[in-house]
Amino acid sequence: MRITIGYIIESLGYVVGAQGLLGFVSRTFFGAEWGWLHKIVELPSPAHLGVVAGGAVLVLGGMRLRKTPDPQSAA
């Protein structure tokens, strides 16, 4: 179960990070709105980098959760 939850968290992190990156690049270089994030909340361009960082934290947390040994299998 721990592995499945890790994959879910990691996948969510990739989506969140990609949306933050799309929002930052589109506003900074093109003056447009890309992705889905702008439909949920209106953020300034630098805040999108925080969303990218949050996505990276989710990815790393999911990877760490997947690779942590299961305490039930050690018994």
C-alpha atoms as a PDB file:
ATOM      1  CA  MET A   1       0.000   0.000   0.000  1.00  0.00           C
ATOM      2  CA  ARG A   2       2.907   2.326   0.789  1.00  0.00           C
ATOM      3  CA  ILE A   3       4.261   1.926  -2.737  1.00  0.00           C
ATOM      4  CA  THR A   4       0.892   2.792  -4.287  1.00  0.00           C
ATOM      5  CA  ILE A   5       0.519   5.911  -2.151  1.00  0.00           C
ATOM      6  CA  GLY A   6       4.079   6.904  -3.046  1.00  0.00           C
ATOM      7  CA  TYR A   7       3.313   6.632  -6.753  1.00  0.00           C
ATOM      8  CA  ILE A   8       0.134   8.691  -6.327  1.00  0.00           C
ATOM      9  CA  ILE A   9       1.958  11.452  -4.448  1.00  0.00           C
ATOM     10  CA  GLU A  10       4.794  11.422  -6.983  1.00  0.00           C
ATOM     11  CA  SER A  11       2.388  11.630  -9.923  1.00  0.00           C
ATOM     12  CA  LEU A  12       0.521  14.488  -8.287  1.00  0.00           C
ATOM     13  CA  GLY A  13       3.846  16.267  -7.821  1.00  0.00           C
ATOM     14  CA  TYR A  14       4.635  15.984 -11.522  1.00  0.00           C
ATOM     15  CA  VAL A  15       1.259  17.497 -12.438  1.00  0.00           C
ATOM     16  CA  VAL A  16       1.550  20.319  -9.896  1.00  0.00           C
ATOM     17  CA  GLY A  17       5.115  21.105 -10.969  1.00  0.00           C
ATOM     18  CA  ALA A  18       4.212  21.111 -14.645  1.00  0.00           C
ATOM     19  CA  GLN A  19       1.288  23.462 -14.046  1.00  0.00           C
ATOM     20  CA  GLY A  20       3.507  25.839 -12.099  1.00  0.00           C
ATOM     21  CA  LEU A  21       6.145  25.768 -14.809  1.00  0.00           C
ATOM     22  CA  LEU A  22       3.573  26.360 -17.543  1.00  0.00           C
ATOM     23  CA  GLY A  23       2.113  29.279 -15.615  1.00  0.00           C
ATOM     24  CA  PHE A  24       5.511  30.893 -15.056  1.00  0.00           C
ATOM     25  CA  VAL A  25       6.781  30.471 -18.623  1.00  0.00           C
ATOM     26  CA  SER A  26       3.528  31.560 -20.253  1.00  0.00           C
ATOM     27  CA  ARG A  27       3.172  34.726 -18.185  1.00  0.00           C
ATOM     28  CA  THR A  28       6.843  35.690 -18.200  1.00  0.00           C
ATOM     29  CA  PHE A  29       7.721  35.115 -21.846  1.00  0.00           C
ATOM     30  CA  PHE A  30       4.427  35.124 -23.745  1.00  0.00           C
ATOM     31  CA  GLY A  31       1.939  37.175 -21.710  1.00  0.00           C
ATOM     32  CA  ALA A  32      -0.635  34.412 -22.011  1.00  0.00           C
ATOM     33  CA  GLU A  33      -2.224  31.870 -19.681  1.00  0.00           C
ATOM     34  CA  TRP A  34      -1.338  28.214 -20.194  1.00  0.00           C
ATOM     35  CA  GLY A  35      -2.307  25.200 -18.135  1.00  0.00           C
ATOM     36  CA  TRP A  36      -5.133  24.759 -15.640  1.00  0.00           C
ATOM     37  CA  LEU A  37      -3.767  26.590 -12.626  1.00  0.00           C
ATOM     38  CA  HIS A  38      -5.000  30.026 -13.724  1.00  0.00           C
ATOM     39  CA  LYS A  39      -8.552  28.658 -13.825  1.00  0.00           C
ATOM     40  CA  ILE A  40      -8.354  27.799 -10.135  1.00  0.00           C
ATOM     41  CA  VAL A  41      -6.351  30.666  -8.637  1.00  0.00           C
ATOM     42  CA  GLU A  42      -4.783  33.883  -9.920  1.00  0.00           C
ATOM     43  CA  LEU A  43      -1.095  34.000  -8.983  1.00  0.00           C
ATOM     44  CA  PRO A  44       1.701  36.410  -9.875  1.00  0.00           C
ATOM     45  CA  SER A  45       4.525  35.011 -11.985  1.00  0.00           C
ATOM     46  CA  PRO A  46       7.045  34.490  -9.147  1.00  0.00           C
ATOM     47  CA  ALA A  47       4.447  32.546  -7.141  1.00  0.00           C
ATOM     48  CA  HIS A  48       4.346  29.979  -9.937  1.00  0.00           C
ATOM     49  CA  LEU A  49       7.941  29.111  -9.086  1.00  0.00           C
ATOM     50  CA  GLY A  50       6.717  28.291  -5.580  1.00  0.00           C
ATOM     51  CA  VAL A  51       4.189  25.920  -7.125  1.00  0.00           C
ATOM     52  CA  VAL A  52       7.032  24.278  -9.070  1.00  0.00           C
ATOM     53  CA  ALA A  53       8.966  23.882  -5.812  1.00  0.00           C
ATOM     54  CA  GLY A  54       5.889  22.385  -4.141  1.00  0.00           C
ATOM     55  CA  GLY A  55       5.590  19.897  -6.986  1.00  0.00           C
ATOM     56  CA  ALA A  56       9.252  18.963  -6.560  1.00  0.00           C
ATOM     57  CA  VAL A  57       8.675  18.375  -2.841  1.00  0.00           C
ATOM     58  CA  LEU A  58       5.746  16.082  -3.656  1.00  0.00           C
ATOM     59  CA  VAL A  59       7.819  14.153  -6.199  1.00  0.00           C
ATOM     60  CA  LEU A  60      10.703  13.686  -3.786  1.00  0.00           C
ATOM     61  CA  GLY A  61       8.356  12.785  -0.934  1.00  0.00           C
ATOM     62  CA  GLY A  62       6.588  10.189  -3.065  1.00  0.00           C
ATOM     63  CA  MET A  63       9.893   8.675  -4.156  1.00  0.00           C
ATOM     64  CA  ARG A  64      11.107   8.537  -0.569  1.00  0.00           C
ATOM     65  CA  LEU A  65       7.856   6.944   0.593  1.00  0.00           C
ATOM     66  CA  ARG A  66       8.084   4.278  -2.094  1.00  0.00           C
ATOM     67  CA  LYS A  67      11.670   3.383  -1.209  1.00  0.00           C
ATOM     68  CA  THR A  68      11.180   3.281   2.560  1.00  0.00           C
ATOM     69  CA  PRO A  69      11.122  -0.334   3.754  1.00  0.00           C
ATOM     70  CA  ASP A  70       7.727  -1.563   4.874  1.00  0.00           C
ATOM     71  CA  PRO A  71       7.752  -2.213   8.661  1.00  0.00           C
ATOM     72  CA  GLN A  72       5.316  -5.129   8.268  1.00  0.00           C
ATOM     73  CA  SER A  73       7.667  -7.055   5.972  1.00  0.00           C
ATOM     74  CA  ALA A  74      10.513  -6.805   8.511  1.00  0.00           C
ATOM     75  CA  ALA A  75       8.582  -8.818  11.127  1.00  0.00           C
END
